[in-house]
Amino acid sequence: MKLAIISHTEHYKTPTGELVGWGPTVNEINNLLAVFEEVYHVAMLHDTPAPASALPYQSDKIHFVPVPTVGSKNVFGKLHILWYAPQTIVILSKVLKQVDVFQLRTPTGIGVYLLPYLTCFVKKPGWYKYAGQWNQKHPPMGYALQRWFLKKQSRKVTINGYWEGQPKHHLSFENPCLTDEDIELGNTIRQQKDFSGRLSFCFVGRLEREKGVERIIKAFLELAKDELGRVGTVHLVGEGKESRYFKDLVKTSSIHFIFHGALPKNKVVEVYKQSHVFLLPTTASEGFPKVIAEAMNFGCIPIVSQWSSIGHYIKHNVHGYLMQPVTVAVLSTLLQKLLYLPETKCKSFMDHVPSIVSRFTFSHYNHRIVTEILNSLPIDAQN
C-alpha cells in the first residue's frame, strides 16, 4: 500500500545538496515504512539553512514532492496561501493518482482549502490528523475553520487527548517519538539516575515566551540562596527569535544556564541523560508535546502545564507535577518542593514511566494505524 502525506513540514537542502526535513516528522515517516511500501510526502522546501534538528529520509521509498512555500501570520501571507492554491492542488492531484490512501496533517495554512477539496472532490480513502490543541477556546480563525470542518466530514480524524462529546470518527491518538531501542535504553538510564545530589533541569522546544522559557528563567531567579545550592545546570535546547532576550535575563544569575540551540536527537538524548527534571510551562496551542514522553523515558521528572491534553496523560504527584495556573509563582513553588524531595520519592516517579512512554512508540503507533484506520478503509485501498 502506498501513502501520501500532505503537510506543512519544513524541508531544506544542506550545503552538500542533501534533502532534510523537520526531525520529528521525518523520523515518524521513516518508521511508517514498516506499514507502507512507499510514502509520498507533499510539503514545502525552504531556501533557508537547515536547523541542526533536521533529518534526512532513510529510504528511497520515501518521495518528497515540493509545493509552493507559503505561510505567514500577516494579511499578505494569507493571501499568498490562496494565490498558490491552484498550483498546490494540481501537484497534489497528481500524487493522489499514485497512491492508495492519504493523510492530511492539520492545522496548517493550506489546510483551509485542502480540507474542503479532499472532502468534497477526492474519493481516495484517507484520514486527517489534527495536531493542535483540540479544545482551544479562541483559536485563530484558520484553526477554528479547520476544526469545524473536521467535525462535519465523515473520514477518521486523529486528535490529541480524550474529550467530552468526542465524535465517533475522532480517534484519540498518541504521536510517536520513541523507538523500541529508545525504550530499552530509557529503562537502563532511569535505573541508573541519581537524585541525591544537585538536580539539573532541561527544556526542549522553541525558545519563546508562549512555550514558557521566560517563566522558567524567572522562577529560577526567584529561588533563595540555600535553594540555589541544590540546582545544577539548566539546559535550554532549541532556537527562537527571543533567544537574545532570554540570554540577557540570565546574565546576572549564579545558576549555570546553557543555551544549546537546536540539536539532533542523539544530542538531545544526552541532555536528558544529564538532567533530572523536564520543564514545560507552556501555554502554546498544541496537543500533547512529544518531548514530555521523550524526557520521561530518559529519566526526567516532568513539571508541565495542566494544558490541552497534557493532563490526560500526566497525573499530578504520580508522574511528576502539573502546573495550574501556569505562572512563574506556581512554577517557583514546585521547583522549591522538588529540590528537597527525598530521593525515594523522586525514584517513585520513575516507576510509573513505562505505562506512559510505551504509548508513544512508533511500533504502537503503526499498529494502531493498521488496526484502527487502514482496516476500516474500503477493500480496494487495502490491496
Protein backbone atom coordinates (compact mmCIF):
# COMPACT_ATOMS: atom_id res chain seq x y z
CA MET A 1 0.00 0.00 0.00
CA LYS A 2 1.22 3.49 -0.90
CA LEU A 3 0.57 6.55 1.26
CA ALA A 4 0.54 10.28 0.51
CA ILE A 5 1.15 12.61 3.43
CA ILE A 6 0.24 16.27 2.94
CA SER A 7 1.72 18.64 5.50
CA HIS A 8 3.41 21.99 6.13
CA THR A 9 6.61 20.25 7.32
CA GLU A 10 9.66 22.38 6.58
CA HIS A 11 12.27 20.84 4.27
CA TYR A 12 15.71 22.19 3.42
CA LYS A 13 18.76 21.45 1.29
CA THR A 14 22.09 21.19 3.08
CA PRO A 15 25.24 22.77 1.57
CA THR A 16 26.03 19.35 0.08
CA GLY A 17 22.60 19.15 -1.57
CA GLU A 18 21.10 16.59 0.81
CA LEU A 19 17.37 16.90 1.45
CA VAL A 20 16.44 17.12 5.14
CA GLY A 21 13.22 17.91 6.98
CA TRP A 22 11.90 18.73 10.42
CA GLY A 23 13.27 15.90 12.54
CA PRO A 24 10.21 14.57 14.42
CA THR A 25 8.08 14.27 11.26
CA VAL A 26 10.86 12.78 9.14
CA ASN A 27 11.56 10.25 11.89
CA GLU A 28 7.90 9.28 12.01
CA ILE A 29 7.74 8.85 8.22
CA ASN A 30 10.92 6.75 8.19
CA ASN A 31 9.20 4.38 10.61
CA LEU A 32 5.97 4.28 8.56
CA LEU A 33 7.77 2.10 6.01
CA ALA A 34 7.03 -0.75 8.39
CA VAL A 35 3.41 -0.36 7.23
CA PHE A 36 3.55 1.21 3.75
CA GLU A 37 5.63 0.09 0.78
CA GLU A 38 6.06 3.69 -0.38
CA VAL A 39 5.35 7.13 1.08
CA TYR A 40 4.96 10.38 -0.87
CA HIS A 41 5.39 13.46 1.29
CA VAL A 42 3.82 16.60 -0.17
CA ALA A 43 5.31 19.54 1.73
CA MET A 44 7.33 22.75 1.42
CA LEU A 45 11.00 23.31 0.58
CA HIS A 46 12.56 26.37 2.24
CA ASP A 47 15.63 28.16 0.94
CA THR A 48 16.98 28.93 4.42
CA PRO A 49 19.74 26.99 6.25
CA ALA A 50 18.60 23.71 7.78
CA PRO A 51 18.49 23.59 11.60
CA ALA A 52 20.61 21.00 13.39
CA SER A 53 17.46 19.09 14.33
CA ALA A 54 16.56 18.40 10.67
CA LEU A 55 16.97 14.82 9.44
CA PRO A 56 17.23 13.04 6.08
CA TYR A 57 14.89 10.30 4.91
CA GLN A 58 16.33 6.83 5.34
CA SER A 59 14.94 5.16 2.21
CA ASP A 60 14.44 5.84 -1.47
CA LYS A 61 10.91 4.52 -0.96
CA ILE A 62 10.07 7.91 0.56
CA HIS A 63 9.46 10.55 -2.11
CA PHE A 64 9.45 14.24 -1.31
CA VAL A 65 7.10 16.30 -3.51
CA PRO A 66 7.54 20.08 -3.08
CA VAL A 67 4.65 22.51 -3.26
CA PRO A 68 4.87 26.34 -3.19
CA THR A 69 6.31 27.59 0.09
CA VAL A 70 3.68 29.80 1.69
CA GLY A 71 2.52 30.82 5.12
CA SER A 72 2.56 33.93 7.27
CA LYS A 73 0.54 35.49 10.05
CA ASN A 74 0.03 38.77 8.22
CA VAL A 75 -2.68 39.53 5.64
CA PHE A 76 -0.27 39.36 2.71
CA GLY A 77 0.88 35.91 3.80
CA LYS A 78 -2.68 34.62 3.99
CA LEU A 79 -3.44 35.95 0.50
CA HIS A 80 -0.20 34.33 -0.67
CA ILE A 81 -1.56 30.96 0.52
CA LEU A 82 -4.71 31.36 -1.56
CA TRP A 83 -2.80 32.66 -4.61
CA TYR A 84 -0.83 29.43 -4.85
CA ALA A 85 -3.78 27.17 -4.01
CA PRO A 86 -4.47 26.10 -7.64
CA GLN A 87 -0.84 25.14 -8.20
CA THR A 88 -0.73 23.15 -4.96
CA ILE A 89 -3.95 21.31 -5.83
CA VAL A 90 -2.61 20.37 -9.29
CA ILE A 91 0.56 18.91 -7.72
CA LEU A 92 -1.44 17.07 -5.07
CA SER A 93 -3.93 15.62 -7.55
CA LYS A 94 -1.05 14.02 -9.50
CA VAL A 95 0.34 12.46 -6.33
CA LEU A 96 -3.04 11.10 -5.28
CA LYS A 97 -3.21 9.13 -8.54
CA GLN A 98 -0.05 7.27 -7.48
CA VAL A 99 -1.15 6.21 -4.01
CA ASP A 100 -3.82 4.13 -2.28
CA VAL A 101 -4.53 6.32 0.73
CA PHE A 102 -3.71 9.80 2.03
CA GLN A 103 -3.21 11.63 5.30
CA LEU A 104 -3.63 15.41 5.63
CA ARG A 105 -1.94 16.95 8.66
CA THR A 106 -3.72 19.92 10.13
CA PRO A 107 -3.97 22.66 11.29
CA THR A 108 -1.98 24.36 8.56
CA GLY A 109 -2.43 27.37 6.29
CA ILE A 110 -3.02 25.23 3.21
CA GLY A 111 -5.50 23.12 5.18
CA VAL A 112 -8.05 25.92 4.89
CA TYR A 113 -8.65 24.95 1.26
CA LEU A 114 -7.26 21.39 1.14
CA LEU A 115 -9.74 20.11 3.73
CA PRO A 116 -12.76 21.13 1.61
CA TYR A 117 -11.03 19.96 -1.57
CA LEU A 118 -10.18 16.50 -0.24
CA THR A 119 -13.52 16.10 1.49
CA CYS A 120 -15.73 17.21 -1.38
CA PHE A 121 -13.80 16.32 -4.53
CA VAL A 122 -11.47 13.40 -3.72
CA LYS A 123 -12.85 9.87 -3.37
CA LYS A 124 -9.48 8.35 -2.49
CA PRO A 125 -9.56 6.80 1.02
CA GLY A 126 -7.76 8.78 3.66
CA TRP A 127 -7.77 10.27 7.12
CA TYR A 128 -6.94 13.57 8.79
CA LYS A 129 -4.65 14.42 11.66
CA TYR A 130 -5.25 17.42 13.90
CA ALA A 131 -2.08 18.10 15.87
CA GLY A 132 -3.15 21.31 17.58
CA GLN A 133 -4.98 21.90 20.83
CA TRP A 134 -8.38 20.35 20.12
CA ASN A 135 -10.34 22.15 22.85
CA GLN A 136 -8.79 25.60 22.31
CA LYS A 137 -11.46 28.15 23.23
CA HIS A 138 -10.34 31.00 21.00
CA PRO A 139 -8.24 29.52 18.17
CA PRO A 140 -7.09 31.56 15.18
CA MET A 141 -9.77 31.76 12.51
CA GLY A 142 -7.98 29.30 10.20
CA TYR A 143 -7.63 26.74 13.00
CA ALA A 144 -11.26 27.16 14.04
CA LEU A 145 -12.44 26.70 10.45
CA GLN A 146 -10.41 23.50 10.02
CA ARG A 147 -11.59 22.10 13.33
CA TRP A 148 -15.23 22.83 12.38
CA PHE A 149 -14.77 21.10 9.02
CA LEU A 150 -13.18 18.05 10.66
CA LYS A 151 -16.23 17.70 12.89
CA LYS A 152 -18.64 17.86 9.94
CA GLN A 153 -16.98 15.42 7.50
CA SER A 154 -17.00 11.61 7.83
CA ARG A 155 -13.38 10.48 7.37
CA LYS A 156 -11.49 9.49 10.52
CA VAL A 157 -9.57 12.15 12.39
CA THR A 158 -6.76 11.53 14.86
CA ILE A 159 -6.56 14.07 17.68
CA ASN A 160 -4.61 14.61 20.89
CA GLY A 161 -6.38 13.71 24.11
CA TYR A 162 -9.78 12.45 25.17
CA TRP A 163 -12.66 14.93 25.11
CA GLU A 164 -16.26 15.01 26.27
CA GLY A 165 -18.65 14.71 23.34
CA GLN A 166 -15.90 13.47 21.03
CA PRO A 167 -17.39 12.23 17.71
CA LYS A 168 -17.02 8.51 16.99
CA HIS A 169 -14.89 9.14 13.92
CA HIS A 170 -12.39 11.16 16.00
CA LEU A 171 -9.71 8.84 17.39
CA SER A 172 -7.53 9.79 20.35
CA PHE A 173 -4.03 9.10 19.05
CA GLU A 174 -0.61 9.48 20.62
CA ASN A 175 2.02 10.98 18.30
CA PRO A 176 5.05 8.68 18.23
CA CYS A 177 8.58 9.72 19.15
CA LEU A 178 10.31 6.64 20.60
CA THR A 179 11.79 3.52 19.03
CA ASP A 180 11.83 0.18 20.80
CA GLU A 181 15.58 0.73 21.22
CA ASP A 182 14.83 4.08 22.93
CA ILE A 183 12.55 2.28 25.37
CA GLU A 184 15.26 -0.26 26.21
CA LEU A 185 17.88 2.46 26.66
CA GLY A 186 15.48 4.52 28.75
CA ASN A 187 14.89 1.62 31.14
CA THR A 188 18.61 1.44 31.79
CA ILE A 189 19.07 5.20 32.20
CA ARG A 190 16.17 5.52 34.67
CA GLN A 191 17.57 2.75 36.84
CA GLN A 192 20.94 4.50 36.99
CA LYS A 193 19.73 8.07 37.56
CA ASP A 194 20.88 9.56 40.86
CA PHE A 195 18.65 12.17 42.52
CA SER A 196 20.70 12.50 45.73
CA GLY A 197 22.87 15.47 44.70
CA ARG A 198 22.28 18.68 42.79
CA LEU A 199 19.41 18.46 40.33
CA SER A 200 19.78 19.54 36.71
CA PHE A 201 16.86 20.74 34.60
CA CYS A 202 16.07 20.89 30.90
CA PHE A 203 13.67 22.47 28.44
CA VAL A 204 13.37 21.30 24.81
CA GLY A 205 11.34 23.27 22.28
CA ARG A 206 11.02 26.65 20.62
CA LEU A 207 12.65 29.39 22.66
CA GLU A 208 9.67 31.69 23.10
CA ARG A 209 7.59 33.09 25.93
CA GLU A 210 4.48 31.15 24.90
CA LYS A 211 6.37 27.89 25.40
CA GLY A 212 7.33 29.00 28.91
CA VAL A 213 11.03 29.86 28.62
CA GLU A 214 10.60 33.22 30.36
CA ARG A 215 8.64 31.54 33.18
CA ILE A 216 11.43 29.00 33.65
CA ILE A 217 14.15 31.63 33.92
CA LYS A 218 12.18 33.92 36.23
CA ALA A 219 11.22 31.01 38.51
CA PHE A 220 14.89 30.12 38.99
CA LEU A 221 15.77 33.75 39.59
CA GLU A 222 13.28 33.77 42.49
CA LEU A 223 14.96 30.91 44.36
CA ALA A 224 16.58 31.60 47.73
CA LYS A 225 20.33 31.18 48.29
CA ASP A 226 20.03 27.80 50.02
CA GLU A 227 17.75 26.56 47.23
CA LEU A 228 20.27 27.62 44.60
CA GLY A 229 22.74 25.24 46.21
CA ARG A 230 20.52 22.33 45.11
CA VAL A 231 20.45 23.44 41.46
CA GLY A 232 22.93 22.01 38.99
CA THR A 233 22.65 23.05 35.34
CA VAL A 234 19.62 24.39 33.48
CA HIS A 235 19.70 23.21 29.84
CA LEU A 236 17.67 25.11 27.24
CA VAL A 237 17.50 23.29 23.91
CA GLY A 238 16.01 24.98 20.87
CA GLU A 239 16.01 28.14 18.83
CA GLY A 240 13.75 31.18 18.64
CA LYS A 241 13.60 34.87 17.84
CA GLU A 242 13.59 35.74 21.55
CA SER A 243 16.83 33.91 22.35
CA ARG A 244 18.80 37.12 22.91
CA TYR A 245 16.20 38.37 25.40
CA PHE A 246 16.39 35.12 27.38
CA LYS A 247 20.19 35.19 27.43
CA ASP A 248 20.12 38.74 28.75
CA LEU A 249 17.77 37.65 31.57
CA VAL A 250 20.29 35.16 32.97
CA LYS A 251 23.42 37.33 32.75
CA THR A 252 23.42 38.20 36.45
CA SER A 253 22.31 34.77 37.69
CA SER A 254 24.65 32.45 39.57
CA ILE A 255 22.82 29.47 38.05
CA HIS A 256 24.58 27.71 35.20
CA PHE A 257 22.24 28.17 32.22
CA ILE A 258 23.30 26.54 28.93
CA PHE A 259 21.66 27.60 25.67
CA HIS A 260 22.33 24.68 23.34
CA GLY A 261 20.45 25.91 20.28
CA ALA A 262 18.85 23.28 18.03
CA LEU A 263 20.29 19.80 18.48
CA PRO A 264 19.92 16.47 16.65
CA LYS A 265 18.04 13.80 18.57
CA ASN A 266 21.13 11.94 19.78
CA LYS A 267 22.45 15.15 21.38
CA VAL A 268 19.04 15.88 22.93
CA VAL A 269 19.10 12.41 24.49
CA GLU A 270 22.48 13.29 26.04
CA VAL A 271 20.85 16.35 27.63
CA TYR A 272 18.05 14.17 29.01
CA LYS A 273 20.65 11.79 30.45
CA GLN A 274 22.33 14.65 32.32
CA SER A 275 19.03 16.11 33.58
CA HIS A 276 16.75 15.11 36.42
CA VAL A 277 13.74 17.33 35.69
CA PHE A 278 11.99 18.37 32.48
CA LEU A 279 10.26 21.76 32.41
CA LEU A 280 7.49 22.78 30.02
CA PRO A 281 5.28 25.56 31.46
CA THR A 282 3.65 26.10 28.07
CA THR A 283 0.53 27.96 27.06
CA ALA A 284 1.12 27.40 23.34
CA SER A 285 -1.53 25.92 21.08
CA GLU A 286 -0.51 22.29 20.85
CA GLY A 287 -1.83 18.86 21.65
CA PHE A 288 0.45 16.65 23.72
CA PRO A 289 4.09 17.76 23.27
CA LYS A 290 6.07 14.63 22.42
CA VAL A 291 9.13 15.95 24.24
CA ILE A 292 7.37 15.18 27.54
CA ALA A 293 7.31 11.46 26.71
CA GLU A 294 10.89 11.60 25.44
CA ALA A 295 12.16 13.29 28.60
CA MET A 296 10.28 10.90 30.89
CA ASN A 297 11.63 7.90 29.01
CA PHE A 298 15.18 9.06 29.70
CA GLY A 299 14.63 9.67 33.40
CA CYS A 300 13.40 13.26 33.73
CA ILE A 301 10.61 14.12 36.19
CA PRO A 302 8.13 16.38 34.35
CA ILE A 303 6.95 19.74 35.69
CA VAL A 304 4.50 20.68 32.96
CA SER A 305 1.35 22.69 32.33
CA GLN A 306 -2.16 21.46 33.03
CA TRP A 307 -2.87 22.46 29.44
CA SER A 308 -4.64 20.94 26.45
CA SER A 309 -4.33 17.12 26.68
CA ILE A 310 -1.19 17.07 28.87
CA GLY A 311 -3.22 16.27 31.98
CA HIS A 312 -4.85 13.33 30.17
CA TYR A 313 -1.52 11.51 30.47
CA ILE A 314 0.50 13.15 33.24
CA LYS A 315 -1.03 12.76 36.70
CA HIS A 316 -0.05 15.22 39.40
CA ASN A 317 2.24 13.75 42.08
CA VAL A 318 2.23 10.38 40.25
CA HIS A 319 4.35 11.04 37.17
CA GLY A 320 5.57 14.47 38.22
CA TYR A 321 3.86 17.81 38.74
CA LEU A 322 1.17 19.70 36.81
CA MET A 323 1.04 23.50 36.87
CA GLN A 324 -2.34 25.19 37.30
CA PRO A 325 -2.41 28.10 36.77
CA VAL A 326 0.61 28.37 34.51
CA THR A 327 2.51 31.15 36.27
CA VAL A 328 6.01 31.95 37.48
CA ALA A 329 4.79 31.75 41.09
CA VAL A 330 3.37 28.23 40.68
CA LEU A 331 6.49 27.01 38.88
CA SER A 332 8.73 28.52 41.56
CA THR A 333 6.75 26.75 44.29
CA LEU A 334 7.03 23.39 42.51
CA LEU A 335 10.76 23.87 41.98
CA GLN A 336 11.22 24.56 45.68
CA LYS A 337 9.23 21.45 46.54
CA LEU A 338 11.14 19.21 44.15
CA LEU A 339 14.57 20.44 45.22
CA TYR A 340 14.05 18.97 48.68
CA LEU A 341 12.13 15.82 47.83
CA PRO A 342 13.57 12.61 49.27
CA GLU A 343 15.35 10.52 46.65
CA THR A 344 12.87 7.69 47.28
CA LYS A 345 10.02 9.95 46.12
CA CYS A 346 11.98 11.03 43.03
CA LYS A 347 12.64 7.39 42.22
CA SER A 348 8.96 6.56 42.68
CA PHE A 349 8.11 8.86 39.75
CA MET A 350 10.25 6.59 37.56
CA ASP A 351 8.12 3.55 38.45
CA HIS A 352 5.15 4.95 36.51
CA VAL A 353 7.05 5.85 33.34
CA PRO A 354 6.75 2.58 31.33
CA SER A 355 2.95 2.69 31.12
CA ILE A 356 3.12 6.19 29.63
CA VAL A 357 6.06 6.01 27.24
CA SER A 358 5.00 2.67 25.70
CA ARG A 359 2.06 4.53 24.14
CA PHE A 360 4.42 6.88 22.29
CA THR A 361 6.46 4.27 20.41
CA PHE A 362 6.49 4.00 16.63
CA SER A 363 5.56 0.33 16.86
CA HIS A 364 2.44 1.12 18.90
CA TYR A 365 1.51 3.94 16.52
CA ASN A 366 1.95 1.76 13.43
CA HIS A 367 -0.17 -0.98 14.98
CA ARG A 368 -2.99 1.48 15.59
CA ILE A 369 -2.70 2.89 12.06
CA VAL A 370 -3.27 -0.61 10.69
CA THR A 371 -5.96 -1.83 13.07
CA GLU A 372 -7.99 1.35 13.63
CA ILE A 373 -7.60 3.19 10.33
CA LEU A 374 -6.41 1.07 7.42
CA ASN A 375 -8.54 -1.96 8.30
CA SER A 376 -11.65 0.21 8.20
CA LEU A 377 -10.96 1.55 4.70
CA PRO A 378 -12.63 0.18 1.54
CA ILE A 379 -11.24 -3.17 0.40
CA ASP A 380 -9.60 -1.67 -2.72
CA ALA A 381 -7.47 0.61 -0.56
CA GLN A 382 -6.10 -2.32 1.43
CA ASN A 383 -4.75 -4.18 -1.60
